[in-house]
Amino acid sequence: MIIKYLSFLIGIIWSYSIIKTQSVFSKKAGLIFKVFISNVSWITLIAACYFGYKNFSIQYTIIGIIAGIIIVHIGFHFSKKFLISKFTEKNLQITKSFFEYTLIAWVVYYLFF
């Protein structure tokens, strides 16, 4: 029972964190991210919620969903504070651009090869 509930929480945290990551990217890369990755994560989130509903009571399911969302928001908050304190704005922008172009290249490679 504990292993099932932990897998439910990990599924919620995993899928919601990928959905939340979409807001970090620019409009161009965000669109590609939304079309190819975020939509799958929404389906995964819905499947995880259904898994929780079928295997646990509605109360435990709602508590798990809320806890997963709070954990992701706290993680993003502390990650943002850490990155801002350790790196300059220019370094963060260069790194963000690198990841955006890498994402676009990965999707193009996936589509054509």
N, C-alpha and C. Protein backbone atom coordinates (compact mmCIF):
# COMPACT_ATOMS: atom_id res chain seq x y z
N MET A 1 0.82 -1.19 0.00
CA MET A 1 0.00 0.00 0.00
C MET A 1 0.87 1.26 0.00
N ILE A 2 1.94 1.26 0.78
CA ILE A 2 2.82 2.41 0.86
C ILE A 2 3.55 2.61 -0.47
N ILE A 3 3.98 1.51 -1.08
CA ILE A 3 4.67 1.60 -2.36
C ILE A 3 3.73 2.14 -3.44
N LYS A 4 2.47 1.72 -3.42
CA LYS A 4 1.50 2.23 -4.39
C LYS A 4 1.29 3.74 -4.20
N TYR A 5 1.18 4.16 -2.95
CA TYR A 5 0.94 5.58 -2.69
C TYR A 5 2.16 6.41 -3.06
N LEU A 6 3.36 5.90 -2.78
CA LEU A 6 4.57 6.61 -3.17
C LEU A 6 4.69 6.71 -4.69
N SER A 7 4.33 5.65 -5.40
CA SER A 7 4.36 5.72 -6.87
C SER A 7 3.32 6.71 -7.38
N PHE A 8 2.19 6.81 -6.72
CA PHE A 8 1.17 7.80 -7.06
C PHE A 8 1.73 9.21 -6.87
N LEU A 9 2.38 9.46 -5.72
CA LEU A 9 2.96 10.79 -5.46
C LEU A 9 4.07 11.13 -6.44
N ILE A 10 4.91 10.16 -6.75
CA ILE A 10 5.99 10.40 -7.72
C ILE A 10 5.41 10.72 -9.09
N GLY A 11 4.36 10.02 -9.48
CA GLY A 11 3.71 10.31 -10.77
C GLY A 11 3.13 11.72 -10.81
N ILE A 12 2.49 12.13 -9.72
CA ILE A 12 1.93 13.49 -9.64
C ILE A 12 3.06 14.53 -9.71
N ILE A 13 4.09 14.33 -8.91
CA ILE A 13 5.20 15.29 -8.87
C ILE A 13 5.91 15.35 -10.21
N TRP A 14 6.16 14.21 -10.81
CA TRP A 14 6.87 14.14 -12.09
C TRP A 14 6.09 14.87 -13.19
N SER A 15 4.82 14.52 -13.34
CA SER A 15 4.05 15.10 -14.43
C SER A 15 3.79 16.59 -14.21
N TYR A 16 3.50 17.00 -12.98
CA TYR A 16 3.24 18.41 -12.73
C TYR A 16 4.51 19.24 -12.86
N SER A 17 5.66 18.69 -12.48
CA SER A 17 6.89 19.46 -12.63
C SER A 17 7.23 19.69 -14.10
N ILE A 18 6.93 18.74 -14.96
CA ILE A 18 7.16 18.94 -16.39
C ILE A 18 6.18 19.97 -16.94
N ILE A 19 4.95 19.94 -16.48
CA ILE A 19 3.97 20.95 -16.90
C ILE A 19 4.42 22.33 -16.43
N LYS A 20 4.90 22.43 -15.22
CA LYS A 20 5.35 23.71 -14.67
C LYS A 20 6.61 24.22 -15.38
N THR A 21 7.44 23.32 -15.88
CA THR A 21 8.67 23.71 -16.58
C THR A 21 8.35 24.49 -17.85
N GLN A 22 7.20 24.28 -18.43
CA GLN A 22 6.81 24.97 -19.66
C GLN A 22 6.87 26.48 -19.48
N SER A 23 6.56 26.98 -18.31
CA SER A 23 6.53 28.43 -18.09
C SER A 23 7.92 29.06 -18.11
N VAL A 24 8.97 28.26 -18.01
CA VAL A 24 10.33 28.78 -17.99
C VAL A 24 10.80 29.17 -19.38
N PHE A 25 10.36 28.47 -20.40
CA PHE A 25 10.85 28.67 -21.76
C PHE A 25 10.20 29.87 -22.42
N SER A 26 10.85 30.38 -23.48
CA SER A 26 10.30 31.49 -24.25
C SER A 26 9.11 31.01 -25.05
N LYS A 27 8.44 31.93 -25.74
CA LYS A 27 7.22 31.58 -26.49
C LYS A 27 7.50 30.54 -27.57
N LYS A 28 8.59 30.70 -28.31
CA LYS A 28 8.91 29.79 -29.40
C LYS A 28 9.20 28.37 -28.88
N ALA A 29 10.10 28.28 -27.93
CA ALA A 29 10.43 26.98 -27.36
C ALA A 29 9.28 26.47 -26.50
N GLY A 30 8.54 27.38 -25.86
CA GLY A 30 7.40 26.99 -25.06
C GLY A 30 6.31 26.33 -25.88
N LEU A 31 6.12 26.81 -27.10
CA LEU A 31 5.13 26.20 -27.99
C LEU A 31 5.53 24.77 -28.34
N ILE A 32 6.79 24.60 -28.69
CA ILE A 32 7.28 23.26 -29.01
C ILE A 32 7.19 22.37 -27.78
N PHE A 33 7.56 22.91 -26.63
CA PHE A 33 7.48 22.15 -25.39
C PHE A 33 6.04 21.76 -25.09
N LYS A 34 5.12 22.69 -25.31
CA LYS A 34 3.71 22.43 -25.03
C LYS A 34 3.15 21.35 -25.94
N VAL A 35 3.46 21.44 -27.22
CA VAL A 35 2.90 20.50 -28.19
C VAL A 35 3.44 19.09 -27.97
N PHE A 36 4.74 18.97 -27.74
CA PHE A 36 5.35 17.65 -27.73
C PHE A 36 5.53 17.04 -26.34
N ILE A 37 5.66 17.84 -25.32
CA ILE A 37 5.98 17.27 -24.01
C ILE A 37 4.87 17.55 -23.00
N SER A 38 4.39 18.76 -22.93
CA SER A 38 3.44 19.15 -21.91
C SER A 38 2.11 18.41 -22.05
N ASN A 39 1.66 18.21 -23.28
CA ASN A 39 0.40 17.49 -23.47
C ASN A 39 0.48 16.06 -22.95
N VAL A 40 1.60 15.42 -23.15
CA VAL A 40 1.79 14.07 -22.63
C VAL A 40 1.80 14.10 -21.10
N SER A 41 2.38 15.14 -20.54
CA SER A 41 2.43 15.27 -19.08
C SER A 41 1.04 15.51 -18.50
N TRP A 42 0.20 16.24 -19.21
CA TRP A 42 -1.19 16.41 -18.74
C TRP A 42 -1.91 15.07 -18.72
N ILE A 43 -1.69 14.27 -19.74
CA ILE A 43 -2.30 12.93 -19.78
C ILE A 43 -1.76 12.08 -18.64
N THR A 44 -0.46 12.18 -18.38
CA THR A 44 0.15 11.44 -17.28
C THR A 44 -0.41 11.90 -15.93
N LEU A 45 -0.60 13.21 -15.78
CA LEU A 45 -1.18 13.74 -14.55
C LEU A 45 -2.60 13.23 -14.34
N ILE A 46 -3.38 13.24 -15.39
CA ILE A 46 -4.75 12.74 -15.30
C ILE A 46 -4.75 11.25 -14.98
N ALA A 47 -3.85 10.50 -15.61
CA ALA A 47 -3.76 9.06 -15.34
C ALA A 47 -3.33 8.81 -13.88
N ALA A 48 -2.41 9.62 -13.38
CA ALA A 48 -1.98 9.46 -11.98
C ALA A 48 -3.13 9.77 -11.02
N CYS A 49 -3.90 10.79 -11.33
CA CYS A 49 -5.07 11.11 -10.50
C CYS A 49 -6.09 9.97 -10.53
N TYR A 50 -6.31 9.41 -11.70
CA TYR A 50 -7.24 8.28 -11.83
C TYR A 50 -6.71 7.07 -11.06
N PHE A 51 -5.40 6.82 -11.15
CA PHE A 51 -4.77 5.72 -10.41
C PHE A 51 -5.00 5.91 -8.91
N GLY A 52 -4.80 7.14 -8.44
CA GLY A 52 -5.02 7.43 -7.02
C GLY A 52 -6.47 7.25 -6.63
N TYR A 53 -7.38 7.67 -7.47
CA TYR A 53 -8.82 7.54 -7.19
C TYR A 53 -9.23 6.07 -7.13
N LYS A 54 -8.69 5.26 -8.02
CA LYS A 54 -9.06 3.84 -8.06
C LYS A 54 -8.45 3.03 -6.92
N ASN A 55 -7.27 3.41 -6.45
CA ASN A 55 -6.57 2.61 -5.45
C ASN A 55 -6.69 3.13 -4.02
N PHE A 56 -7.07 4.39 -3.85
CA PHE A 56 -7.14 4.98 -2.53
C PHE A 56 -8.47 5.70 -2.38
N SER A 57 -8.73 6.17 -1.19
CA SER A 57 -9.95 6.93 -0.99
C SER A 57 -9.80 8.31 -1.64
N ILE A 58 -10.91 8.97 -1.83
CA ILE A 58 -10.88 10.29 -2.46
C ILE A 58 -10.10 11.28 -1.59
N GLN A 59 -10.18 11.10 -0.28
CA GLN A 59 -9.46 11.97 0.64
C GLN A 59 -7.95 11.83 0.45
N TYR A 60 -7.43 10.61 0.39
CA TYR A 60 -5.99 10.39 0.20
C TYR A 60 -5.55 10.85 -1.19
N THR A 61 -6.42 10.70 -2.16
CA THR A 61 -6.09 11.15 -3.51
C THR A 61 -5.95 12.67 -3.55
N ILE A 62 -6.89 13.38 -2.98
CA ILE A 62 -6.83 14.84 -2.97
C ILE A 62 -5.64 15.33 -2.16
N ILE A 63 -5.37 14.70 -1.04
CA ILE A 63 -4.20 15.07 -0.23
C ILE A 63 -2.92 14.86 -1.04
N GLY A 64 -2.83 13.75 -1.77
CA GLY A 64 -1.65 13.47 -2.58
C GLY A 64 -1.47 14.47 -3.71
N ILE A 65 -2.57 14.84 -4.36
CA ILE A 65 -2.50 15.82 -5.45
C ILE A 65 -2.05 17.18 -4.91
N ILE A 66 -2.65 17.61 -3.82
CA ILE A 66 -2.27 18.90 -3.23
C ILE A 66 -0.83 18.88 -2.75
N ALA A 67 -0.42 17.79 -2.10
CA ALA A 67 0.96 17.68 -1.62
C ALA A 67 1.95 17.70 -2.78
N GLY A 68 1.63 17.01 -3.87
CA GLY A 68 2.51 17.00 -5.04
C GLY A 68 2.65 18.38 -5.66
N ILE A 69 1.56 19.09 -5.78
CA ILE A 69 1.60 20.44 -6.36
C ILE A 69 2.40 21.39 -5.45
N ILE A 70 2.20 21.28 -4.15
CA ILE A 70 2.94 22.13 -3.22
C ILE A 70 4.44 21.82 -3.28
N ILE A 71 4.80 20.54 -3.35
CA ILE A 71 6.21 20.15 -3.42
C ILE A 71 6.86 20.72 -4.68
N VAL A 72 6.15 20.66 -5.81
CA VAL A 72 6.71 21.20 -7.06
C VAL A 72 6.89 22.71 -6.96
N HIS A 73 5.90 23.41 -6.43
CA HIS A 73 6.02 24.87 -6.31
C HIS A 73 7.16 25.26 -5.36
N ILE A 74 7.29 24.55 -4.26
CA ILE A 74 8.39 24.84 -3.33
C ILE A 74 9.73 24.56 -4.00
N GLY A 75 9.82 23.45 -4.73
CA GLY A 75 11.06 23.12 -5.44
C GLY A 75 11.44 24.17 -6.46
N PHE A 76 10.47 24.65 -7.24
CA PHE A 76 10.75 25.69 -8.22
C PHE A 76 11.14 27.00 -7.53
N HIS A 77 10.51 27.31 -6.42
CA HIS A 77 10.82 28.54 -5.70
C HIS A 77 12.28 28.52 -5.21
N PHE A 78 12.68 27.43 -4.56
CA PHE A 78 14.04 27.35 -4.05
C PHE A 78 15.07 27.24 -5.17
N SER A 79 14.71 26.57 -6.26
CA SER A 79 15.63 26.49 -7.40
C SER A 79 15.87 27.87 -8.00
N LYS A 80 14.81 28.66 -8.11
CA LYS A 80 14.93 30.01 -8.64
C LYS A 80 15.81 30.87 -7.74
N LYS A 81 15.58 30.80 -6.43
CA LYS A 81 16.40 31.58 -5.50
C LYS A 81 17.86 31.15 -5.57
N PHE A 82 18.12 29.86 -5.68
CA PHE A 82 19.48 29.35 -5.75
C PHE A 82 20.17 29.82 -7.02
N LEU A 83 19.49 29.70 -8.17
CA LEU A 83 20.09 30.10 -9.44
C LEU A 83 20.37 31.59 -9.48
N ILE A 84 19.46 32.40 -8.97
CA ILE A 84 19.66 33.84 -8.96
C ILE A 84 20.83 34.23 -8.06
N SER A 85 20.99 33.51 -6.95
CA SER A 85 22.08 33.86 -6.03
C SER A 85 23.45 33.40 -6.55
N LYS A 86 23.50 32.35 -7.34
CA LYS A 86 24.78 31.79 -7.78
C LYS A 86 25.26 32.30 -9.13
N PHE A 87 24.35 32.73 -9.98
CA PHE A 87 24.72 33.11 -11.34
C PHE A 87 24.25 34.52 -11.66
N THR A 88 24.95 35.14 -12.61
CA THR A 88 24.53 36.47 -13.06
C THR A 88 23.37 36.32 -14.04
N GLU A 89 22.72 37.43 -14.30
CA GLU A 89 21.58 37.43 -15.23
C GLU A 89 22.02 37.00 -16.62
N LYS A 90 23.20 37.44 -17.03
CA LYS A 90 23.71 37.09 -18.36
C LYS A 90 23.96 35.58 -18.47
N ASN A 91 24.56 34.98 -17.44
CA ASN A 91 24.80 33.54 -17.46
C ASN A 91 23.50 32.75 -17.48
N LEU A 92 22.52 33.21 -16.73
CA LEU A 92 21.22 32.53 -16.73
C LEU A 92 20.55 32.62 -18.10
N GLN A 93 20.66 33.77 -18.75
CA GLN A 93 20.06 33.94 -20.07
C GLN A 93 20.75 33.06 -21.10
N ILE A 94 22.07 32.97 -21.04
CA ILE A 94 22.81 32.11 -21.97
C ILE A 94 22.43 30.65 -21.76
N THR A 95 22.36 30.22 -20.52
CA THR A 95 22.00 28.84 -20.21
C THR A 95 20.57 28.54 -20.66
N LYS A 96 19.67 29.47 -20.42
CA LYS A 96 18.27 29.29 -20.83
C LYS A 96 18.19 29.19 -22.35
N SER A 97 18.89 30.04 -23.06
CA SER A 97 18.89 29.98 -24.53
C SER A 97 19.47 28.66 -25.02
N PHE A 98 20.54 28.20 -24.38
CA PHE A 98 21.13 26.91 -24.75
C PHE A 98 20.11 25.78 -24.61
N PHE A 99 19.40 25.75 -23.49
CA PHE A 99 18.42 24.69 -23.30
C PHE A 99 17.24 24.82 -24.27
N GLU A 100 16.85 26.04 -24.59
CA GLU A 100 15.76 26.23 -25.55
C GLU A 100 16.15 25.71 -26.94
N TYR A 101 17.34 26.09 -27.41
CA TYR A 101 17.79 25.63 -28.73
C TYR A 101 18.05 24.12 -28.74
N THR A 102 18.51 23.59 -27.63
CA THR A 102 18.69 22.14 -27.54
C THR A 102 17.35 21.43 -27.62
N LEU A 103 16.34 21.98 -26.97
CA LEU A 103 15.00 21.40 -27.04
C LEU A 103 14.47 21.44 -28.46
N ILE A 104 14.64 22.57 -29.14
CA ILE A 104 14.17 22.68 -30.52
C ILE A 104 14.92 21.70 -31.41
N ALA A 105 16.23 21.58 -31.24
CA ALA A 105 17.02 20.64 -32.05
C ALA A 105 16.61 19.20 -31.76
N TRP A 106 16.33 18.89 -30.51
CA TRP A 106 15.91 17.54 -30.14
C TRP A 106 14.58 17.19 -30.79
N VAL A 107 13.64 18.11 -30.79
CA VAL A 107 12.34 17.86 -31.41
C VAL A 107 12.48 17.72 -32.93
N VAL A 108 13.26 18.58 -33.56
CA VAL A 108 13.48 18.49 -35.00
C VAL A 108 14.14 17.15 -35.34
N TYR A 109 15.14 16.77 -34.58
CA TYR A 109 15.81 15.48 -34.81
C TYR A 109 14.82 14.33 -34.65
N TYR A 110 13.98 14.40 -33.61
CA TYR A 110 13.00 13.35 -33.36
C TYR A 110 11.98 13.25 -34.49
N LEU A 111 11.58 14.39 -35.03
CA LEU A 111 10.58 14.39 -36.09
C LEU A 111 11.12 13.85 -37.43
N PHE A 112 12.37 14.16 -37.74
CA PHE A 112 12.89 13.80 -39.05
C PHE A 112 13.74 12.54 -39.08
N PHE A 113 14.22 12.06 -37.94
CA PHE A 113 15.08 10.87 -37.95
C PHE A 113 14.50 9.78 -37.14
